[in-house]
Amino acid sequence: MASALEELQNDLEKVKALLEKATRKRVRDTLTAEKSKIETEIKNKVQHKSQQKPELLDNEKPAAVVAPITTGYTVKISNYAWDRSDKFVKICTALTGVQVPAENVQVRFTERSFDLLVENLNGKSYSMIVNNLLKPILTDTVLLLCRKKAENTQWEYLTQVEKECKEKEKPSYDAETDPSEGLMSVLKKIYENGDDDMKRTINKAWVESREKQAKGDTEF
């Protein structure tokens, strides 16, 4: 059996559908007034429900309750996934098309609870309140998870700019030139950009290489 809040939400959707189809001014005015009335009732019921005290553990403070002031109604988020590592507990919930201003997303933490509110997303707001976490958490860390559009793809870099900068730093080789020439070009670049110790090291290696080549030519 549907709750009173669910009934109001269903009524609101039907009124909205009728309002979209209505063309006569009197009918539209009547439907608009009814729509505002239902939205007010939904808002009052949601606020009343949010103010009810959940069951808490001893000496635990509840999460701060954010009053969902919105043009539509608030949907309770009940489906989510979670994972854990040595340092983090990660909570993930899927909301379609999450493209809202930053001020429309509010998250508040206590040591044993958290409260998420996403306002005015496709005409609705979404709320997720979790109390009585198994163990205490820190409230000074933010973990941002971005879901890949294409799964199982490898990201060597975080941004396109970072990728382009790193690729410019890689030495370029011409496949048609002598490989030794490419090596000499790299060594020359390292020598020019290196400090005194680096230059002495390269000079010493160069001299030793030339001496070995000379000895090889004599013995041959």
C-alpha atoms as a PDB file:
ATOM      1  CA  MET A   1       0.000   0.000   0.000  1.00  0.00           C
ATOM      2  CA  ALA A   2       1.420   3.386  -1.019  1.00  0.00           C
ATOM      3  CA  SER A   3       2.223   5.905   1.705  1.00  0.00           C
ATOM      4  CA  ALA A   4       0.603   9.339   1.914  1.00  0.00           C
ATOM      5  CA  LEU A   5       3.760  10.927   0.524  1.00  0.00           C
ATOM      6  CA  GLU A   6       3.859   8.548  -2.437  1.00  0.00           C
ATOM      7  CA  GLU A   7       0.195   9.278  -3.164  1.00  0.00           C
ATOM      8  CA  LEU A   8       0.912  13.004  -3.201  1.00  0.00           C
ATOM      9  CA  GLN A   9       3.871  12.485  -5.514  1.00  0.00           C
ATOM     10  CA  ASN A  10       1.711  10.451  -7.901  1.00  0.00           C
ATOM     11  CA  ASP A  11      -0.966  13.156  -7.838  1.00  0.00           C
ATOM     12  CA  LEU A  12       1.648  15.803  -8.603  1.00  0.00           C
ATOM     13  CA  GLU A  13       2.904  13.902 -11.649  1.00  0.00           C
ATOM     14  CA  LYS A  14      -0.646  13.560 -12.991  1.00  0.00           C
ATOM     15  CA  VAL A  15      -1.371  17.259 -12.471  1.00  0.00           C
ATOM     16  CA  LYS A  16       1.847  18.177 -14.277  1.00  0.00           C
ATOM     17  CA  ALA A  17       0.887  15.937 -17.205  1.00  0.00           C
ATOM     18  CA  LEU A  18      -2.551  17.556 -17.434  1.00  0.00           C
ATOM     19  CA  LEU A  19      -1.025  21.027 -17.193  1.00  0.00           C
ATOM     20  CA  GLU A  20       1.208  20.340 -20.185  1.00  0.00           C
ATOM     21  CA  LYS A  21      -1.813  19.384 -22.290  1.00  0.00           C
ATOM     22  CA  ALA A  22      -4.201  22.104 -21.115  1.00  0.00           C
ATOM     23  CA  THR A  23      -4.719  25.104 -23.406  1.00  0.00           C
ATOM     24  CA  ARG A  24      -7.611  27.049 -21.808  1.00  0.00           C
ATOM     25  CA  LYS A  25      -6.549  29.716 -19.334  1.00  0.00           C
ATOM     26  CA  ARG A  26      -9.115  28.824 -16.652  1.00  0.00           C
ATOM     27  CA  VAL A  27      -8.109  25.170 -16.741  1.00  0.00           C
ATOM     28  CA  ARG A  28      -4.406  26.028 -16.612  1.00  0.00           C
ATOM     29  CA  ASP A  29      -4.939  28.404 -13.673  1.00  0.00           C
ATOM     30  CA  THR A  30      -6.850  25.729 -11.760  1.00  0.00           C
ATOM     31  CA  LEU A  31      -4.209  23.077 -12.424  1.00  0.00           C
ATOM     32  CA  THR A  32      -1.404  25.484 -11.504  1.00  0.00           C
ATOM     33  CA  ALA A  33      -3.046  26.259  -8.180  1.00  0.00           C
ATOM     34  CA  GLU A  34      -3.546  22.549  -7.477  1.00  0.00           C
ATOM     35  CA  LYS A  35       0.089  21.873  -8.407  1.00  0.00           C
ATOM     36  CA  SER A  36       1.325  24.493  -5.916  1.00  0.00           C
ATOM     37  CA  LYS A  37      -0.949  23.078  -3.224  1.00  0.00           C
ATOM     38  CA  ILE A  38       0.355  19.516  -3.688  1.00  0.00           C
ATOM     39  CA  GLU A  39       3.980  20.699  -3.761  1.00  0.00           C
ATOM     40  CA  THR A  40       3.455  22.511  -0.460  1.00  0.00           C
ATOM     41  CA  GLU A  41       1.947  19.389   1.114  1.00  0.00           C
ATOM     42  CA  ILE A  42       4.871  17.265  -0.113  1.00  0.00           C
ATOM     43  CA  LYS A  43       7.381  19.786   1.211  1.00  0.00           C
ATOM     44  CA  ASN A  44       5.723  19.841   4.633  1.00  0.00           C
ATOM     45  CA  LYS A  45       5.601  16.047   4.859  1.00  0.00           C
ATOM     46  CA  VAL A  46       9.256  15.690   3.825  1.00  0.00           C
ATOM     47  CA  GLN A  47      10.341  18.298   6.379  1.00  0.00           C
ATOM     48  CA  HIS A  48       8.296  16.597   9.087  1.00  0.00           C
ATOM     49  CA  LYS A  49       9.818  13.238   8.227  1.00  0.00           C
ATOM     50  CA  SER A  50      13.346  14.691   8.219  1.00  0.00           C
ATOM     51  CA  GLN A  51      12.824  16.146  11.688  1.00  0.00           C
ATOM     52  CA  GLN A  52      11.981  12.765  13.189  1.00  0.00           C
ATOM     53  CA  LYS A  53      14.880  11.481  15.276  1.00  0.00           C
ATOM     54  CA  PRO A  54      16.412   8.240  13.921  1.00  0.00           C
ATOM     55  CA  GLU A  55      17.656   5.533  16.226  1.00  0.00           C
ATOM     56  CA  LEU A  56      21.158   6.473  17.367  1.00  0.00           C
ATOM     57  CA  LEU A  57      23.906   4.708  19.229  1.00  0.00           C
ATOM     58  CA  ASP A  58      24.866   5.908  22.706  1.00  0.00           C
ATOM     59  CA  ASN A  59      26.765   9.220  22.737  1.00  0.00           C
ATOM     60  CA  GLU A  60      26.328   9.661  18.970  1.00  0.00           C
ATOM     61  CA  LYS A  61      25.315  12.938  17.357  1.00  0.00           C
ATOM     62  CA  PRO A  62      22.968  12.679  14.353  1.00  0.00           C
ATOM     63  CA  ALA A  63      23.909  14.004  10.944  1.00  0.00           C
ATOM     64  CA  ALA A  64      22.823  17.548  10.265  1.00  0.00           C
ATOM     65  CA  VAL A  65      19.492  17.468   8.451  1.00  0.00           C
ATOM     66  CA  VAL A  66      19.234  19.644   5.367  1.00  0.00           C
ATOM     67  CA  ALA A  67      15.703  20.874   4.742  1.00  0.00           C
ATOM     68  CA  PRO A  68      15.021  19.986   1.085  1.00  0.00           C
ATOM     69  CA  ILE A  69      13.574  23.226  -0.297  1.00  0.00           C
ATOM     70  CA  THR A  70      12.848  22.452  -3.921  1.00  0.00           C
ATOM     71  CA  THR A  71      10.365  23.061  -6.696  1.00  0.00           C
ATOM     72  CA  GLY A  72       9.615  19.349  -7.019  1.00  0.00           C
ATOM     73  CA  TYR A  73       9.789  16.587  -4.424  1.00  0.00           C
ATOM     74  CA  THR A  74      12.604  14.707  -2.738  1.00  0.00           C
ATOM     75  CA  VAL A  75      13.433  11.094  -3.559  1.00  0.00           C
ATOM     76  CA  LYS A  76      15.173   9.013  -0.912  1.00  0.00           C
ATOM     77  CA  ILE A  77      18.289   7.273  -2.240  1.00  0.00           C
ATOM     78  CA  SER A  78      18.189   3.675  -1.061  1.00  0.00           C
ATOM     79  CA  ASN A  79      20.246   1.893  -3.738  1.00  0.00           C
ATOM     80  CA  TYR A  80      23.987   2.284  -3.398  1.00  0.00           C
ATOM     81  CA  ALA A  81      27.198   0.263  -3.493  1.00  0.00           C
ATOM     82  CA  TRP A  82      30.145   0.473  -1.155  1.00  0.00           C
ATOM     83  CA  ASP A  83      33.704  -0.736  -1.039  1.00  0.00           C
ATOM     84  CA  ARG A  84      36.624  -0.362   1.347  1.00  0.00           C
ATOM     85  CA  SER A  85      40.393  -0.124   1.272  1.00  0.00           C
ATOM     86  CA  ASP A  86      43.001   0.334   3.981  1.00  0.00           C
ATOM     87  CA  LYS A  87      42.260   4.058   4.233  1.00  0.00           C
ATOM     88  CA  PHE A  88      38.775   4.633   2.790  1.00  0.00           C
ATOM     89  CA  VAL A  89      35.194   3.420   2.764  1.00  0.00           C
ATOM     90  CA  LYS A  90      33.741   4.342  -0.633  1.00  0.00           C
ATOM     91  CA  ILE A  91      29.992   4.860  -1.202  1.00  0.00           C
ATOM     92  CA  CYS A  92      28.698   5.060  -4.779  1.00  0.00           C
ATOM     93  CA  THR A  93      25.168   5.814  -5.979  1.00  0.00           C
ATOM     94  CA  ALA A  94      24.077   6.363  -9.583  1.00  0.00           C
ATOM     95  CA  LEU A  95      22.088   9.486 -10.497  1.00  0.00           C
ATOM     96  CA  THR A  96      21.335  10.047 -14.170  1.00  0.00           C
ATOM     97  CA  GLY A  97      22.629  13.284 -15.662  1.00  0.00           C
ATOM     98  CA  VAL A  98      24.217  14.838 -12.579  1.00  0.00           C
ATOM     99  CA  GLN A  99      24.864  18.276 -14.082  1.00  0.00           C
ATOM    100  CA  VAL A 100      23.750  20.786 -11.463  1.00  0.00           C
ATOM    101  CA  PRO A 101      25.388  23.877  -9.939  1.00  0.00           C
ATOM    102  CA  ALA A 102      27.831  23.197  -7.121  1.00  0.00           C
ATOM    103  CA  GLU A 103      25.549  24.834  -4.569  1.00  0.00           C
ATOM    104  CA  ASN A 104      22.864  22.251  -5.377  1.00  0.00           C
ATOM    105  CA  VAL A 105      24.995  19.439  -3.946  1.00  0.00           C
ATOM    106  CA  GLN A 106      25.369  19.426  -0.168  1.00  0.00           C
ATOM    107  CA  VAL A 107      27.209  16.836   1.929  1.00  0.00           C
ATOM    108  CA  ARG A 108      27.536  17.002   5.695  1.00  0.00           C
ATOM    109  CA  PHE A 109      29.439  14.619   7.951  1.00  0.00           C
ATOM    110  CA  THR A 110      29.666  13.711  11.588  1.00  0.00           C
ATOM    111  CA  GLU A 111      32.035  11.124  13.008  1.00  0.00           C
ATOM    112  CA  ARG A 112      29.433   8.358  12.614  1.00  0.00           C
ATOM    113  CA  SER A 113      27.065   9.586   9.866  1.00  0.00           C
ATOM    114  CA  PHE A 114      26.708  11.494   6.608  1.00  0.00           C
ATOM    115  CA  ASP A 115      23.927  13.329   4.761  1.00  0.00           C
ATOM    116  CA  LEU A 116      23.861  13.861   0.980  1.00  0.00           C
ATOM    117  CA  LEU A 117      21.377  16.177  -0.750  1.00  0.00           C
ATOM    118  CA  VAL A 118      21.264  16.832  -4.521  1.00  0.00           C
ATOM    119  CA  GLU A 119      18.691  19.522  -5.285  1.00  0.00           C
ATOM    120  CA  ASN A 120      16.699  20.203  -8.458  1.00  0.00           C
ATOM    121  CA  LEU A 121      18.036  17.401 -10.634  1.00  0.00           C
ATOM    122  CA  ASN A 122      15.591  16.902 -13.514  1.00  0.00           C
ATOM    123  CA  GLY A 123      12.777  18.436 -11.453  1.00  0.00           C
ATOM    124  CA  LYS A 124      13.472  16.357  -8.339  1.00  0.00           C
ATOM    125  CA  SER A 125      15.819  16.355  -5.365  1.00  0.00           C
ATOM    126  CA  TYR A 126      17.633  13.315  -4.005  1.00  0.00           C
ATOM    127  CA  SER A 127      18.494  12.692  -0.377  1.00  0.00           C
ATOM    128  CA  MET A 128      20.655  10.052   1.276  1.00  0.00           C
ATOM    129  CA  ILE A 129      21.091   9.977   5.061  1.00  0.00           C
ATOM    130  CA  VAL A 130      23.151   7.245   6.710  1.00  0.00           C
ATOM    131  CA  ASN A 131      23.472   7.150  10.491  1.00  0.00           C
ATOM    132  CA  ASN A 132      25.165   4.698  12.842  1.00  0.00           C
ATOM    133  CA  LEU A 133      28.219   3.975  10.698  1.00  0.00           C
ATOM    134  CA  LEU A 134      30.033   0.896  11.925  1.00  0.00           C
ATOM    135  CA  LYS A 135      33.132   2.874  12.915  1.00  0.00           C
ATOM    136  CA  PRO A 136      34.140   6.556  13.170  1.00  0.00           C
ATOM    137  CA  ILE A 137      35.261   8.455  10.062  1.00  0.00           C
ATOM    138  CA  LEU A 138      37.372  11.558   9.458  1.00  0.00           C
ATOM    139  CA  THR A 139      35.593  14.689   8.240  1.00  0.00           C
ATOM    140  CA  ASP A 140      38.550  16.437   6.585  1.00  0.00           C
ATOM    141  CA  THR A 141      38.945  14.341   3.422  1.00  0.00           C
ATOM    142  CA  VAL A 142      37.127  14.476   0.071  1.00  0.00           C
ATOM    143  CA  LEU A 143      37.276  11.526  -2.344  1.00  0.00           C
ATOM    144  CA  LEU A 144      36.023  12.271  -5.863  1.00  0.00           C
ATOM    145  CA  LEU A 145      35.099   9.277  -8.048  1.00  0.00           C
ATOM    146  CA  CYS A 146      34.408   9.786 -11.773  1.00  0.00           C
ATOM    147  CA  ARG A 147      32.771   6.860 -13.537  1.00  0.00           C
ATOM    148  CA  LYS A 148      34.364   6.027 -16.900  1.00  0.00           C
ATOM    149  CA  LYS A 149      32.038   6.324 -19.882  1.00  0.00           C
ATOM    150  CA  ALA A 150      33.911   3.414 -21.503  1.00  0.00           C
ATOM    151  CA  GLU A 151      34.727   0.726 -18.973  1.00  0.00           C
ATOM    152  CA  ASN A 152      38.048  -1.156 -18.909  1.00  0.00           C
ATOM    153  CA  THR A 153      39.867   1.690 -20.671  1.00  0.00           C
ATOM    154  CA  GLN A 154      43.335   2.634 -19.433  1.00  0.00           C
ATOM    155  CA  TRP A 155      44.136   6.207 -18.387  1.00  0.00           C
ATOM    156  CA  GLU A 156      47.882   6.899 -18.488  1.00  0.00           C
ATOM    157  CA  TYR A 157      47.202  10.553 -17.643  1.00  0.00           C
ATOM    158  CA  LEU A 158      44.447  12.472 -15.887  1.00  0.00           C
ATOM    159  CA  THR A 159      44.028  15.254 -18.474  1.00  0.00           C
ATOM    160  CA  GLN A 160      44.638  15.750 -22.197  1.00  0.00           C
ATOM    161  CA  VAL A 161      46.980  18.660 -21.438  1.00  0.00           C
ATOM    162  CA  GLU A 162      49.113  16.457 -19.173  1.00  0.00           C
ATOM    163  CA  LYS A 163      49.330  13.816 -21.910  1.00  0.00           C
ATOM    164  CA  GLU A 164      50.444  16.340 -24.546  1.00  0.00           C
ATOM    165  CA  CYS A 165      53.096  17.830 -22.232  1.00  0.00           C
ATOM    166  CA  LYS A 166      54.533  14.428 -21.337  1.00  0.00           C
ATOM    167  CA  GLU A 167      54.635  13.313 -24.977  1.00  0.00           C
ATOM    168  CA  LYS A 168      56.517  16.487 -25.967  1.00  0.00           C
ATOM    169  CA  GLU A 169      59.193  15.626 -23.417  1.00  0.00           C
ATOM    170  CA  LYS A 170      59.865  12.226 -25.000  1.00  0.00           C
ATOM    171  CA  PRO A 171      62.911  12.183 -27.364  1.00  0.00           C
ATOM    172  CA  SER A 172      61.911  11.821 -30.994  1.00  0.00           C
ATOM    173  CA  TYR A 173      63.714   9.443 -33.348  1.00  0.00           C
ATOM    174  CA  ASP A 174      63.722   9.421 -37.120  1.00  0.00           C
ATOM    175  CA  ALA A 175      63.318   5.853 -38.315  1.00  0.00           C
ATOM    176  CA  GLU A 176      65.257   6.635 -41.524  1.00  0.00           C
ATOM    177  CA  THR A 177      68.391   7.974 -39.754  1.00  0.00           C
ATOM    178  CA  ASP A 178      71.251   6.021 -38.212  1.00  0.00           C
ATOM    179  CA  PRO A 179      70.268   4.909 -34.649  1.00  0.00           C
ATOM    180  CA  SER A 180      73.642   6.134 -33.397  1.00  0.00           C
ATOM    181  CA  GLU A 181      72.809   9.621 -34.657  1.00  0.00           C
ATOM    182  CA  GLY A 182      69.615   9.583 -32.649  1.00  0.00           C
ATOM    183  CA  LEU A 183      71.563   8.529 -29.550  1.00  0.00           C
ATOM    184  CA  MET A 184      74.111  11.285 -30.127  1.00  0.00           C
ATOM    185  CA  SER A 185      71.304  13.809 -30.404  1.00  0.00           C
ATOM    186  CA  VAL A 186      69.870  12.680 -27.073  1.00  0.00           C
ATOM    187  CA  LEU A 187      73.295  12.781 -25.383  1.00  0.00           C
ATOM    188  CA  LYS A 188      73.930  16.249 -26.778  1.00  0.00           C
ATOM    189  CA  LYS A 189      70.633  17.491 -25.401  1.00  0.00           C
ATOM    190  CA  ILE A 190      71.373  15.971 -21.973  1.00  0.00           C
ATOM    191  CA  TYR A 191      74.867  17.520 -22.016  1.00  0.00           C
ATOM    192  CA  GLU A 192      73.553  20.995 -22.881  1.00  0.00           C
ATOM    193  CA  ASN A 193      70.911  20.911 -20.155  1.00  0.00           C
ATOM    194  CA  GLY A 194      73.013  19.128 -17.524  1.00  0.00           C
ATOM    195  CA  ASP A 195      75.023  20.527 -14.625  1.00  0.00           C
ATOM    196  CA  ASP A 196      78.815  20.401 -14.304  1.00  0.00           C
ATOM    197  CA  ASP A 197      78.798  16.906 -12.795  1.00  0.00           C
ATOM    198  CA  MET A 198      76.642  15.593 -15.611  1.00  0.00           C
ATOM    199  CA  LYS A 199      78.909  17.164 -18.238  1.00  0.00           C
ATOM    200  CA  ARG A 200      82.053  15.694 -16.625  1.00  0.00           C
ATOM    201  CA  THR A 201      80.409  12.253 -16.539  1.00  0.00           C
ATOM    202  CA  ILE A 202      79.458  12.429 -20.229  1.00  0.00           C
ATOM    203  CA  ASN A 203      82.927  13.684 -21.214  1.00  0.00           C
ATOM    204  CA  LYS A 204      84.593  10.853 -19.284  1.00  0.00           C
ATOM    205  CA  ALA A 205      82.342   8.240 -20.892  1.00  0.00           C
ATOM    206  CA  TRP A 206      83.037   9.743 -24.322  1.00  0.00           C
ATOM    207  CA  VAL A 207      86.817   9.650 -23.843  1.00  0.00           C
ATOM    208  CA  GLU A 208      86.754   6.061 -22.551  1.00  0.00           C
ATOM    209  CA  SER A 209      84.591   5.018 -25.504  1.00  0.00           C
ATOM    210  CA  ARG A 210      87.024   6.611 -27.993  1.00  0.00           C
ATOM    211  CA  GLU A 211      90.016   4.916 -26.320  1.00  0.00           C
ATOM    212  CA  LYS A 212      88.353   1.500 -26.533  1.00  0.00           C
ATOM    213  CA  GLN A 213      87.581   2.062 -30.190  1.00  0.00           C
ATOM    214  CA  ALA A 214      91.223   3.038 -30.870  1.00  0.00           C
ATOM    215  CA  LYS A 215      92.556  -0.077 -29.148  1.00  0.00           C
ATOM    216  CA  GLY A 216      90.182  -2.235 -31.102  1.00  0.00           C
ATOM    217  CA  ASP A 217      91.375  -0.740 -34.400  1.00  0.00           C
ATOM    218  CA  THR A 218      95.086  -1.339 -33.458  1.00  0.00           C
ATOM    219  CA  GLU A 219      94.573  -4.966 -32.488  1.00  0.00           C
ATOM    220  CA  PHE A 220      92.539  -5.630 -35.591  1.00  0.00           C
END
